[in-house]
């Protein structure tokens, strides 16, 4: 899952777990911030934000076991297979953008704007060095742009630059284009599967500390 899919699942969790809109903002912000916060989650963070980060990590762990995701990974041969989870994450946002109204009645533009506002609400808790990303997220309205293949390619390029594998860009894009049909079919299997599991994650939903904050916000 990438940013759009993680935010969508965070919004789903807020609804399934009966959280109010203020608490939902923490889940949305955590869905994005989790990619920049590694290791132990600080107890000084607001409980809703901590839960958003925990939820993001749970989704990542569960998604690794989804058969349809494993099939998606298999479409990338060696030596690309090692980094295939990152490529599949980016493609998940592309597929979600294409099928958004199969899952949600809210307009994707409105949802993307809500996620950006949630991120701004918790700006004080961003790790150092992430300001440029959040500016880019808001300036380009990124979460609403994944239906465009150019956004996917930019995502690949950014990842490959960080990995020192920029020479792979053309090959990775070609592989991703070739598997779009199958990838979309797999997405329609694994995304609903993960959504359905949210209601079962009672250890997250029923945390006493988190429940207390939800009552007092």
C-alpha atoms as a PDB file:
ATOM      1  CA  UNK A   1       0.000   0.000   0.000  1.00  0.00           C
ATOM      2  CA  UNK A   2       1.163   3.523  -0.748  1.00  0.00           C
ATOM      3  CA  UNK A   3      -0.041   6.895   0.555  1.00  0.00           C
ATOM      4  CA  UNK A   4      -3.518   6.979  -1.023  1.00  0.00           C
ATOM      5  CA  UNK A   5      -4.369   3.379  -0.128  1.00  0.00           C
ATOM      6  CA  UNK A   6      -3.073   3.754   3.431  1.00  0.00           C
ATOM      7  CA  UNK A   7      -5.137   6.923   3.916  1.00  0.00           C
ATOM      8  CA  UNK A   8      -8.235   5.266   2.466  1.00  0.00           C
ATOM      9  CA  UNK A   9      -7.833   2.327   4.844  1.00  0.00           C
ATOM     10  CA  UNK A  10      -7.279   4.715   7.761  1.00  0.00           C
ATOM     11  CA  UNK A  11     -10.584   6.413   6.921  1.00  0.00           C
ATOM     12  CA  UNK A  12     -12.228   2.991   6.720  1.00  0.00           C
ATOM     13  CA  UNK A  13     -10.817   2.107  10.139  1.00  0.00           C
ATOM     14  CA  UNK A  14     -12.183   5.305  11.676  1.00  0.00           C
ATOM     15  CA  UNK A  15     -15.649   4.401  10.413  1.00  0.00           C
ATOM     16  CA  UNK A  16     -15.490   0.718  11.383  1.00  0.00           C
ATOM     17  CA  UNK A  17     -14.114   1.529  14.846  1.00  0.00           C
ATOM     18  CA  UNK A  18     -16.647   4.295  15.479  1.00  0.00           C
ATOM     19  CA  UNK A  19     -14.135   7.141  15.791  1.00  0.00           C
ATOM     20  CA  UNK A  20     -15.140  10.782  15.383  1.00  0.00           C
ATOM     21  CA  UNK A  21     -13.828  13.167  12.722  1.00  0.00           C
ATOM     22  CA  UNK A  22     -11.170  14.714  14.953  1.00  0.00           C
ATOM     23  CA  UNK A  23      -9.740  11.301  15.785  1.00  0.00           C
ATOM     24  CA  UNK A  24      -9.971  10.338  12.107  1.00  0.00           C
ATOM     25  CA  UNK A  25      -7.585  13.190  11.282  1.00  0.00           C
ATOM     26  CA  UNK A  26      -4.948  11.585  13.478  1.00  0.00           C
ATOM     27  CA  UNK A  27      -5.394   8.275  11.693  1.00  0.00           C
ATOM     28  CA  UNK A  28      -5.038   9.979   8.304  1.00  0.00           C
ATOM     29  CA  UNK A  29      -1.942  11.899   9.356  1.00  0.00           C
ATOM     30  CA  UNK A  30      -0.431   8.745  10.849  1.00  0.00           C
ATOM     31  CA  UNK A  31      -1.071   6.867   7.611  1.00  0.00           C
ATOM     32  CA  UNK A  32       1.283   9.306   5.872  1.00  0.00           C
ATOM     33  CA  UNK A  33       3.775   9.958   8.659  1.00  0.00           C
ATOM     34  CA  UNK A  34       4.388   6.256   9.219  1.00  0.00           C
ATOM     35  CA  UNK A  35       6.639   6.132   6.159  1.00  0.00           C
ATOM     36  CA  UNK A  36       8.939   8.645   7.845  1.00  0.00           C
ATOM     37  CA  UNK A  37       8.822   7.402  11.442  1.00  0.00           C
ATOM     38  CA  UNK A  38      10.743   4.188  12.010  1.00  0.00           C
ATOM     39  CA  UNK A  39      11.368   2.199  15.149  1.00  0.00           C
ATOM     40  CA  UNK A  40       9.609   2.762  18.472  1.00  0.00           C
ATOM     41  CA  UNK A  41       6.578   5.047  18.342  1.00  0.00           C
ATOM     42  CA  UNK A  42       7.040   7.862  20.841  1.00  0.00           C
ATOM     43  CA  UNK A  43       4.534   7.929  23.703  1.00  0.00           C
ATOM     44  CA  UNK A  44       4.610  11.734  23.413  1.00  0.00           C
ATOM     45  CA  UNK A  45       2.687  11.633  20.133  1.00  0.00           C
ATOM     46  CA  UNK A  46      -1.089  12.120  20.274  1.00  0.00           C
ATOM     47  CA  UNK A  47      -2.822   8.766  20.649  1.00  0.00           C
ATOM     48  CA  UNK A  48      -4.738   9.106  17.388  1.00  0.00           C
ATOM     49  CA  UNK A  49      -1.506   9.769  15.511  1.00  0.00           C
ATOM     50  CA  UNK A  50       0.187   6.799  17.173  1.00  0.00           C
ATOM     51  CA  UNK A  51      -2.728   4.582  16.183  1.00  0.00           C
ATOM     52  CA  UNK A  52      -2.472   5.824  12.605  1.00  0.00           C
ATOM     53  CA  UNK A  53       1.186   4.792  12.517  1.00  0.00           C
ATOM     54  CA  UNK A  54       0.413   1.439  14.147  1.00  0.00           C
ATOM     55  CA  UNK A  55      -2.381   0.840  11.656  1.00  0.00           C
ATOM     56  CA  UNK A  56      -0.054   1.603   8.751  1.00  0.00           C
ATOM     57  CA  UNK A  57       2.448  -0.935  10.067  1.00  0.00           C
ATOM     58  CA  UNK A  58      -0.254  -3.555  10.608  1.00  0.00           C
ATOM     59  CA  UNK A  59      -1.491  -3.099   7.055  1.00  0.00           C
ATOM     60  CA  UNK A  60       2.044  -3.510   5.707  1.00  0.00           C
ATOM     61  CA  UNK A  61       2.537  -6.687   7.729  1.00  0.00           C
ATOM     62  CA  UNK A  62      -0.799  -8.193   6.700  1.00  0.00           C
ATOM     63  CA  UNK A  63      -0.438  -7.251   3.051  1.00  0.00           C
ATOM     64  CA  UNK A  64       2.744  -9.309   2.818  1.00  0.00           C
ATOM     65  CA  UNK A  65       0.628 -12.428   3.337  1.00  0.00           C
ATOM     66  CA  UNK A  66      -2.023 -11.625   0.736  1.00  0.00           C
ATOM     67  CA  UNK A  67      -1.851 -14.226  -2.088  1.00  0.00           C
ATOM     68  CA  UNK A  68      -2.861 -11.636  -4.691  1.00  0.00           C
ATOM     69  CA  UNK A  69      -0.015  -9.358  -3.623  1.00  0.00           C
ATOM     70  CA  UNK A  70       2.445 -12.233  -3.868  1.00  0.00           C
ATOM     71  CA  UNK A  71       1.222 -12.806  -7.416  1.00  0.00           C
ATOM     72  CA  UNK A  72       1.752  -9.110  -8.180  1.00  0.00           C
ATOM     73  CA  UNK A  73       5.307  -9.303  -6.849  1.00  0.00           C
ATOM     74  CA  UNK A  74       6.019 -12.337  -9.010  1.00  0.00           C
ATOM     75  CA  UNK A  75       5.447 -10.225 -12.135  1.00  0.00           C
ATOM     76  CA  UNK A  76       8.798  -8.520 -11.458  1.00  0.00           C
ATOM     77  CA  UNK A  77      11.703 -10.831 -12.338  1.00  0.00           C
ATOM     78  CA  UNK A  78      15.161 -10.855 -10.792  1.00  0.00           C
ATOM     79  CA  UNK A  79      16.951  -8.535 -10.116  1.00  0.00           C
ATOM     80  CA  UNK A  80      13.876  -6.296  -9.690  1.00  0.00           C
ATOM     81  CA  UNK A  81      12.064  -8.728  -7.393  1.00  0.00           C
ATOM     82  CA  UNK A  82      13.895  -7.504  -4.301  1.00  0.00           C
ATOM     83  CA  UNK A  83      12.363  -4.054  -4.718  1.00  0.00           C
ATOM     84  CA  UNK A  84       9.050  -5.230  -6.177  1.00  0.00           C
ATOM     85  CA  UNK A  85       7.091  -4.506  -2.936  1.00  0.00           C
ATOM     86  CA  UNK A  86       7.838  -0.805  -3.394  1.00  0.00           C
ATOM     87  CA  UNK A  87       6.715  -0.871  -7.027  1.00  0.00           C
ATOM     88  CA  UNK A  88       3.533  -2.765  -6.144  1.00  0.00           C
ATOM     89  CA  UNK A  89       2.787  -0.229  -3.391  1.00  0.00           C
ATOM     90  CA  UNK A  90       2.923   2.619  -5.900  1.00  0.00           C
ATOM     91  CA  UNK A  91       0.797   0.673  -8.363  1.00  0.00           C
ATOM     92  CA  UNK A  92      -1.782   0.048  -5.637  1.00  0.00           C
ATOM     93  CA  UNK A  93      -2.478   3.789  -5.526  1.00  0.00           C
ATOM     94  CA  UNK A  94      -2.830   3.810  -9.310  1.00  0.00           C
ATOM     95  CA  UNK A  95      -5.334   0.961  -9.215  1.00  0.00           C
ATOM     96  CA  UNK A  96      -7.244   2.521  -6.321  1.00  0.00           C
ATOM     97  CA  UNK A  97      -7.532   5.778  -8.252  1.00  0.00           C
ATOM     98  CA  UNK A  98      -8.935   3.853 -11.206  1.00  0.00           C
ATOM     99  CA  UNK A  99     -11.480   2.001  -9.095  1.00  0.00           C
ATOM    100  CA  UNK A 100     -12.150   4.623  -6.429  1.00  0.00           C
ATOM    101  CA  UNK A 101     -15.918   4.716  -6.893  1.00  0.00           C
ATOM    102  CA  UNK A 102     -16.138   0.944  -6.592  1.00  0.00           C
ATOM    103  CA  UNK A 103     -15.198   1.398  -2.931  1.00  0.00           C
ATOM    104  CA  UNK A 104     -16.060   4.971  -1.919  1.00  0.00           C
ATOM    105  CA  UNK A 105     -18.824   7.506  -2.472  1.00  0.00           C
ATOM    106  CA  UNK A 106     -16.642  10.456  -1.421  1.00  0.00           C
ATOM    107  CA  UNK A 107     -15.029  12.345  -4.286  1.00  0.00           C
ATOM    108  CA  UNK A 108     -11.309  11.531  -4.484  1.00  0.00           C
ATOM    109  CA  UNK A 109     -10.396  15.211  -4.838  1.00  0.00           C
ATOM    110  CA  UNK A 110     -12.229  16.004  -1.621  1.00  0.00           C
ATOM    111  CA  UNK A 111     -10.615  13.066   0.138  1.00  0.00           C
ATOM    112  CA  UNK A 112      -7.116  14.076  -0.995  1.00  0.00           C
ATOM    113  CA  UNK A 113      -7.668  17.587   0.332  1.00  0.00           C
ATOM    114  CA  UNK A 114      -8.892  16.170   3.665  1.00  0.00           C
ATOM    115  CA  UNK A 115      -5.720  14.096   3.987  1.00  0.00           C
ATOM    116  CA  UNK A 116      -3.520  17.134   3.356  1.00  0.00           C
ATOM    117  CA  UNK A 117      -5.393  19.134   5.991  1.00  0.00           C
ATOM    118  CA  UNK A 118      -4.969  16.276   8.457  1.00  0.00           C
ATOM    119  CA  UNK A 119      -1.254  16.246   7.745  1.00  0.00           C
ATOM    120  CA  UNK A 120      -1.076  19.983   8.432  1.00  0.00           C
ATOM    121  CA  UNK A 121      -2.971  19.566  11.686  1.00  0.00           C
ATOM    122  CA  UNK A 122      -0.181  17.326  12.975  1.00  0.00           C
ATOM    123  CA  UNK A 123       2.682  19.221  11.331  1.00  0.00           C
ATOM    124  CA  UNK A 124       4.409  19.721  14.694  1.00  0.00           C
ATOM    125  CA  UNK A 125       5.070  15.979  14.856  1.00  0.00           C
ATOM    126  CA  UNK A 126       6.728  15.597  11.469  1.00  0.00           C
ATOM    127  CA  UNK A 127      10.313  14.301  11.473  1.00  0.00           C
ATOM    128  CA  UNK A 128      12.973  16.786  10.440  1.00  0.00           C
ATOM    129  CA  UNK A 129      13.604  16.946   6.719  1.00  0.00           C
ATOM    130  CA  UNK A 130      10.076  16.067   5.604  1.00  0.00           C
ATOM    131  CA  UNK A 131       8.730  19.572   5.016  1.00  0.00           C
ATOM    132  CA  UNK A 132       9.534  19.505   1.309  1.00  0.00           C
ATOM    133  CA  UNK A 133       7.573  16.277   0.861  1.00  0.00           C
ATOM    134  CA  UNK A 134       4.475  17.617   2.605  1.00  0.00           C
ATOM    135  CA  UNK A 135       4.707  20.809   0.583  1.00  0.00           C
ATOM    136  CA  UNK A 136       4.885  18.696  -2.580  1.00  0.00           C
ATOM    137  CA  UNK A 137       1.944  16.575  -1.395  1.00  0.00           C
ATOM    138  CA  UNK A 138      -0.253  19.645  -1.015  1.00  0.00           C
ATOM    139  CA  UNK A 139       1.092  21.669  -3.939  1.00  0.00           C
ATOM    140  CA  UNK A 140       0.612  18.894  -6.515  1.00  0.00           C
ATOM    141  CA  UNK A 141      -2.544  17.441  -4.929  1.00  0.00           C
ATOM    142  CA  UNK A 142      -0.627  14.182  -5.249  1.00  0.00           C
ATOM    143  CA  UNK A 143      -3.165  11.812  -3.703  1.00  0.00           C
ATOM    144  CA  UNK A 144      -5.704  12.691  -6.375  1.00  0.00           C
ATOM    145  CA  UNK A 145      -3.245  12.297  -9.257  1.00  0.00           C
ATOM    146  CA  UNK A 146      -2.421   8.585  -9.191  1.00  0.00           C
ATOM    147  CA  UNK A 147      -4.840   7.830 -12.023  1.00  0.00           C
ATOM    148  CA  UNK A 148      -2.251   9.491 -14.277  1.00  0.00           C
ATOM    149  CA  UNK A 149       0.521   7.142 -15.365  1.00  0.00           C
ATOM    150  CA  UNK A 150       2.991  10.029 -15.225  1.00  0.00           C
ATOM    151  CA  UNK A 151       2.460  10.145 -11.443  1.00  0.00           C
ATOM    152  CA  UNK A 152       3.314   6.453 -11.197  1.00  0.00           C
ATOM    153  CA  UNK A 153       6.460   6.975 -13.257  1.00  0.00           C
ATOM    154  CA  UNK A 154       7.534   9.879 -11.040  1.00  0.00           C
ATOM    155  CA  UNK A 155       7.020   7.627  -8.036  1.00  0.00           C
ATOM    156  CA  UNK A 156       9.218   4.939  -9.584  1.00  0.00           C
ATOM    157  CA  UNK A 157      11.860   7.507 -10.483  1.00  0.00           C
ATOM    158  CA  UNK A 158      11.955   8.908  -6.957  1.00  0.00           C
ATOM    159  CA  UNK A 159      12.301   5.444  -5.420  1.00  0.00           C
ATOM    160  CA  UNK A 160      14.973   4.321  -7.862  1.00  0.00           C
ATOM    161  CA  UNK A 161      16.951   7.513  -7.302  1.00  0.00           C
ATOM    162  CA  UNK A 162      16.994   6.843  -3.543  1.00  0.00           C
ATOM    163  CA  UNK A 163      18.057   3.248  -4.228  1.00  0.00           C
ATOM    164  CA  UNK A 164      20.803   4.301  -6.619  1.00  0.00           C
ATOM    165  CA  UNK A 165      19.100   2.325  -9.417  1.00  0.00           C
ATOM    166  CA  UNK A 166      17.986   5.102 -11.751  1.00  0.00           C
ATOM    167  CA  UNK A 167      19.195   3.065 -14.733  1.00  0.00           C
ATOM    168  CA  UNK A 168      16.305   0.657 -14.063  1.00  0.00           C
ATOM    169  CA  UNK A 169      13.571   3.216 -14.688  1.00  0.00           C
ATOM    170  CA  UNK A 170      12.696   2.264 -18.259  1.00  0.00           C
ATOM    171  CA  UNK A 171      12.698  -1.453 -17.477  1.00  0.00           C
ATOM    172  CA  UNK A 172      10.572  -1.068 -14.342  1.00  0.00           C
ATOM    173  CA  UNK A 173       8.056   1.132 -16.161  1.00  0.00           C
ATOM    174  CA  UNK A 174       7.850  -1.397 -18.998  1.00  0.00           C
ATOM    175  CA  UNK A 175       7.276  -4.273 -16.576  1.00  0.00           C
ATOM    176  CA  UNK A 176       4.620  -2.286 -14.726  1.00  0.00           C
ATOM    177  CA  UNK A 177       2.783  -1.415 -17.947  1.00  0.00           C
ATOM    178  CA  UNK A 178       2.789  -5.044 -19.068  1.00  0.00           C
ATOM    179  CA  UNK A 179       1.197  -6.252 -15.843  1.00  0.00           C
ATOM    180  CA  UNK A 180      -1.436  -3.518 -15.469  1.00  0.00           C
ATOM    181  CA  UNK A 181      -4.361  -5.739 -16.404  1.00  0.00           C
ATOM    182  CA  UNK A 182      -3.367  -8.549 -14.067  1.00  0.00           C
ATOM    183  CA  UNK A 183      -2.262  -6.067 -11.416  1.00  0.00           C
ATOM    184  CA  UNK A 184      -5.668  -4.392 -11.384  1.00  0.00           C
ATOM    185  CA  UNK A 185      -7.371  -7.771 -11.076  1.00  0.00           C
ATOM    186  CA  UNK A 186      -5.125  -8.664  -8.138  1.00  0.00           C
ATOM    187  CA  UNK A 187      -5.838  -5.283  -6.544  1.00  0.00           C
ATOM    188  CA  UNK A 188      -9.567  -5.987  -6.661  1.00  0.00           C
ATOM    189  CA  UNK A 189      -8.796  -9.066  -4.563  1.00  0.00           C
ATOM    190  CA  UNK A 190      -6.312  -7.846  -1.971  1.00  0.00           C
ATOM    191  CA  UNK A 191      -7.690  -4.373  -1.256  1.00  0.00           C
ATOM    192  CA  UNK A 192     -11.185  -5.574  -0.215  1.00  0.00           C
ATOM    193  CA  UNK A 193      -9.533  -8.372   1.758  1.00  0.00           C
ATOM    194  CA  UNK A 194      -7.509  -5.916   3.834  1.00  0.00           C
ATOM    195  CA  UNK A 195     -10.513  -3.618   4.295  1.00  0.00           C
ATOM    196  CA  UNK A 196     -12.532  -6.543   5.640  1.00  0.00           C
ATOM    197  CA  UNK A 197      -9.875  -7.333   8.233  1.00  0.00           C
ATOM    198  CA  UNK A 198     -10.022  -3.902   9.904  1.00  0.00           C
ATOM    199  CA  UNK A 199     -13.012  -4.874  12.038  1.00  0.00           C
ATOM    200  CA  UNK A 200     -11.035  -7.788  13.477  1.00  0.00           C
ATOM    201  CA  UNK A 201      -8.128  -5.686  14.721  1.00  0.00           C
ATOM    202  CA  UNK A 202      -9.665  -5.164  18.131  1.00  0.00           C
ATOM    203  CA  UNK A 203      -6.277  -4.829  19.808  1.00  0.00           C
ATOM    204  CA  UNK A 204      -5.887  -1.533  17.955  1.00  0.00           C
ATOM    205  CA  UNK A 205      -9.504  -0.412  17.985  1.00  0.00           C
ATOM    206  CA  UNK A 206     -10.040  -1.011  21.712  1.00  0.00           C
ATOM    207  CA  UNK A 207      -6.836   0.400  23.156  1.00  0.00           C
ATOM    208  CA  UNK A 208      -7.790   1.986  26.494  1.00  0.00           C
ATOM    209  CA  UNK A 209      -5.527   4.988  26.051  1.00  0.00           C
ATOM    210  CA  UNK A 210      -6.748   5.593  22.521  1.00  0.00           C
ATOM    211  CA  UNK A 211     -10.358   5.176  23.535  1.00  0.00           C
ATOM    212  CA  UNK A 212      -9.827   7.785  26.259  1.00  0.00           C
ATOM    213  CA  UNK A 213      -8.413  10.328  23.826  1.00  0.00           C
ATOM    214  CA  UNK A 214     -11.282   9.695  21.422  1.00  0.00           C
ATOM    215  CA  UNK A 215     -13.760  10.608  24.170  1.00  0.00           C
ATOM    216  CA  UNK A 216     -11.924  13.779  25.132  1.00  0.00           C
ATOM    217  CA  UNK A 217     -10.974  15.377  21.791  1.00  0.00           C
END
